[in-house]
Amino acid sequence: MSQHNIIGSEAFTRGPSVIIRKYRAGGMRRRRARTAMAFVAGAGAMLAAGAVGAVAVFGAGLP
């Protein structure tokens, strides 16, 4: 039978113990900015597609 040196509540934690060796401080900020830029680009593409669709349906007679 093997013997382990586990003390206290360490044996009952749900997740594994993880040691973060390298952490980039701006990573989350860059990811959030990239997501916001993708959202703005998608919204712009949808507006352009809607304008093209409106011209196709109603013709060039729109003001």
N, C-alpha and C. Protein backbone atom coordinates (compact mmCIF):
# COMPACT_ATOMS: atom_id res chain seq x y z
N MET A 1 0.84 -1.17 0.00
CA MET A 1 0.00 0.00 0.00
C MET A 1 0.89 1.24 0.00
N SER A 2 0.58 2.19 -0.88
CA SER A 2 1.41 3.39 -0.97
C SER A 2 0.98 4.41 0.08
N GLN A 3 1.91 5.24 0.44
CA GLN A 3 1.63 6.26 1.46
C GLN A 3 1.80 7.63 0.83
N HIS A 4 0.80 8.50 0.99
CA HIS A 4 0.84 9.84 0.42
C HIS A 4 0.83 10.87 1.54
N ASN A 5 1.44 11.99 1.26
CA ASN A 5 1.52 13.05 2.25
C ASN A 5 0.46 14.11 1.92
N ILE A 6 -0.80 13.79 2.17
CA ILE A 6 -1.90 14.71 1.91
C ILE A 6 -2.40 15.22 3.25
N ILE A 7 -2.49 16.55 3.36
CA ILE A 7 -2.83 17.16 4.65
C ILE A 7 -4.14 17.92 4.53
N GLY A 8 -5.02 17.76 5.49
CA GLY A 8 -6.22 18.58 5.63
C GLY A 8 -7.18 18.48 4.46
N SER A 9 -7.72 19.63 4.05
CA SER A 9 -8.76 19.66 3.02
C SER A 9 -8.19 19.51 1.62
N GLU A 10 -6.88 19.40 1.50
CA GLU A 10 -6.26 19.22 0.19
C GLU A 10 -6.77 17.94 -0.49
N ALA A 11 -7.10 16.95 0.31
CA ALA A 11 -7.56 15.68 -0.24
C ALA A 11 -8.98 15.77 -0.77
N PHE A 12 -9.74 16.79 -0.37
CA PHE A 12 -11.15 16.85 -0.72
C PHE A 12 -11.49 17.95 -1.71
N THR A 13 -10.50 18.62 -2.27
CA THR A 13 -10.79 19.66 -3.25
C THR A 13 -11.24 19.02 -4.55
N ARG A 14 -12.15 19.70 -5.26
CA ARG A 14 -12.70 19.13 -6.49
C ARG A 14 -11.72 19.21 -7.65
N GLY A 15 -11.05 20.33 -7.79
CA GLY A 15 -10.17 20.51 -8.92
C GLY A 15 -8.73 20.19 -8.58
N PRO A 16 -7.92 19.99 -9.60
CA PRO A 16 -6.51 19.74 -9.35
C PRO A 16 -5.81 21.03 -8.94
N SER A 17 -4.73 20.91 -8.22
CA SER A 17 -3.98 22.11 -7.85
C SER A 17 -3.16 22.55 -9.05
N VAL A 18 -3.35 23.78 -9.47
CA VAL A 18 -2.70 24.30 -10.66
C VAL A 18 -1.83 25.48 -10.26
N ILE A 19 -0.61 25.47 -10.72
CA ILE A 19 0.30 26.58 -10.46
C ILE A 19 0.49 27.34 -11.77
N ILE A 20 0.15 28.62 -11.76
CA ILE A 20 0.29 29.44 -12.95
C ILE A 20 1.70 30.01 -12.97
N ARG A 21 2.46 29.61 -13.97
CA ARG A 21 3.85 30.06 -14.03
C ARG A 21 3.99 31.39 -14.76
N LYS A 22 3.24 31.55 -15.83
CA LYS A 22 3.37 32.77 -16.62
C LYS A 22 1.98 33.32 -16.89
N TYR A 23 1.78 34.57 -16.56
CA TYR A 23 0.47 35.19 -16.73
C TYR A 23 0.65 36.52 -17.42
N ARG A 24 0.03 36.65 -18.59
CA ARG A 24 0.11 37.92 -19.31
C ARG A 24 -1.04 38.80 -18.86
N ALA A 25 -0.71 39.97 -18.35
CA ALA A 25 -1.72 40.84 -17.74
C ALA A 25 -2.74 41.35 -18.74
N GLY A 26 -2.33 41.62 -19.97
CA GLY A 26 -3.25 42.22 -20.93
C GLY A 26 -3.99 41.22 -21.79
N GLY A 27 -3.88 39.95 -21.51
CA GLY A 27 -4.51 38.93 -22.36
C GLY A 27 -6.02 39.04 -22.41
N MET A 28 -6.65 39.22 -21.27
CA MET A 28 -8.11 39.31 -21.24
C MET A 28 -8.58 40.60 -21.89
N ARG A 29 -7.84 41.67 -21.69
CA ARG A 29 -8.21 42.94 -22.30
C ARG A 29 -8.14 42.84 -23.82
N ARG A 30 -7.10 42.19 -24.33
CA ARG A 30 -6.98 42.02 -25.78
C ARG A 30 -8.08 41.14 -26.32
N ARG A 31 -8.42 40.08 -25.60
CA ARG A 31 -9.47 39.18 -26.05
C ARG A 31 -10.81 39.91 -26.09
N ARG A 32 -11.09 40.73 -25.07
CA ARG A 32 -12.34 41.47 -25.03
C ARG A 32 -12.39 42.50 -26.16
N ALA A 33 -11.27 43.16 -26.44
CA ALA A 33 -11.22 44.14 -27.52
C ALA A 33 -11.43 43.45 -28.87
N ARG A 34 -10.84 42.28 -29.03
CA ARG A 34 -11.00 41.54 -30.29
C ARG A 34 -12.45 41.12 -30.48
N THR A 35 -13.11 40.70 -29.40
CA THR A 35 -14.52 40.31 -29.48
C THR A 35 -15.39 41.50 -29.83
N ALA A 36 -15.10 42.66 -29.23
CA ALA A 36 -15.87 43.87 -29.54
C ALA A 36 -15.68 44.29 -30.99
N MET A 37 -14.45 44.20 -31.49
CA MET A 37 -14.21 44.56 -32.89
C MET A 37 -14.93 43.59 -33.84
N ALA A 38 -14.96 42.31 -33.50
CA ALA A 38 -15.67 41.34 -34.33
C ALA A 38 -17.16 41.63 -34.33
N PHE A 39 -17.70 42.03 -33.18
CA PHE A 39 -19.12 42.36 -33.10
C PHE A 39 -19.44 43.58 -33.97
N VAL A 40 -18.60 44.62 -33.89
CA VAL A 40 -18.82 45.83 -34.69
C VAL A 40 -18.71 45.50 -36.18
N ALA A 41 -17.73 44.68 -36.55
CA ALA A 41 -17.58 44.31 -37.96
C ALA A 41 -18.79 43.51 -38.44
N GLY A 42 -19.29 42.61 -37.61
CA GLY A 42 -20.46 41.83 -37.98
C GLY A 42 -21.70 42.69 -38.11
N ALA A 43 -21.86 43.66 -37.20
CA ALA A 43 -23.00 44.57 -37.29
C ALA A 43 -22.93 45.42 -38.55
N GLY A 44 -21.74 45.88 -38.89
CA GLY A 44 -21.56 46.66 -40.12
C GLY A 44 -21.88 45.83 -41.36
N ALA A 45 -21.45 44.58 -41.36
CA ALA A 45 -21.74 43.70 -42.50
C ALA A 45 -23.24 43.45 -42.63
N MET A 46 -23.93 43.30 -41.49
CA MET A 46 -25.38 43.09 -41.54
C MET A 46 -26.10 44.34 -42.06
N LEU A 47 -25.64 45.51 -41.64
CA LEU A 47 -26.26 46.75 -42.15
C LEU A 47 -26.04 46.89 -43.65
N ALA A 48 -24.85 46.58 -44.11
CA ALA A 48 -24.57 46.66 -45.55
C ALA A 48 -25.42 45.65 -46.32
N ALA A 49 -25.54 44.44 -45.79
CA ALA A 49 -26.36 43.43 -46.46
C ALA A 49 -27.83 43.84 -46.47
N GLY A 50 -28.29 44.46 -45.39
CA GLY A 50 -29.66 44.94 -45.35
C GLY A 50 -29.91 46.05 -46.36
N ALA A 51 -28.94 46.94 -46.52
CA ALA A 51 -29.09 48.01 -47.51
C ALA A 51 -29.12 47.44 -48.92
N VAL A 52 -28.25 46.49 -49.20
CA VAL A 52 -28.24 45.86 -50.52
C VAL A 52 -29.54 45.11 -50.76
N GLY A 53 -30.04 44.44 -49.74
CA GLY A 53 -31.31 43.72 -49.88
C GLY A 53 -32.48 44.66 -50.10
N ALA A 54 -32.48 45.81 -49.41
CA ALA A 54 -33.56 46.78 -49.59
C ALA A 54 -33.54 47.35 -51.00
N VAL A 55 -32.35 47.63 -51.51
CA VAL A 55 -32.25 48.15 -52.89
C VAL A 55 -32.71 47.08 -53.88
N ALA A 56 -32.39 45.83 -53.60
CA ALA A 56 -32.79 44.75 -54.51
C ALA A 56 -34.31 44.56 -54.51
N VAL A 57 -34.94 44.72 -53.34
CA VAL A 57 -36.38 44.50 -53.24
C VAL A 57 -37.17 45.71 -53.74
N PHE A 58 -36.79 46.89 -53.27
CA PHE A 58 -37.57 48.09 -53.58
C PHE A 58 -37.07 48.83 -54.81
N GLY A 59 -35.95 48.46 -55.32
CA GLY A 59 -35.40 49.14 -56.50
C GLY A 59 -34.64 50.39 -56.10
N ALA A 60 -34.20 51.10 -57.08
CA ALA A 60 -33.39 52.30 -56.84
C ALA A 60 -34.25 53.51 -56.52
N GLY A 61 -35.56 53.36 -56.37
CA GLY A 61 -36.45 54.48 -56.11
C GLY A 61 -36.45 54.94 -54.66
N LEU A 62 -35.65 54.33 -53.81
CA LEU A 62 -35.59 54.77 -52.41
C LEU A 62 -34.86 56.10 -52.31
N PRO A 63 -35.30 56.96 -51.41
CA PRO A 63 -34.64 58.27 -51.27
C PRO A 63 -33.23 58.16 -50.74
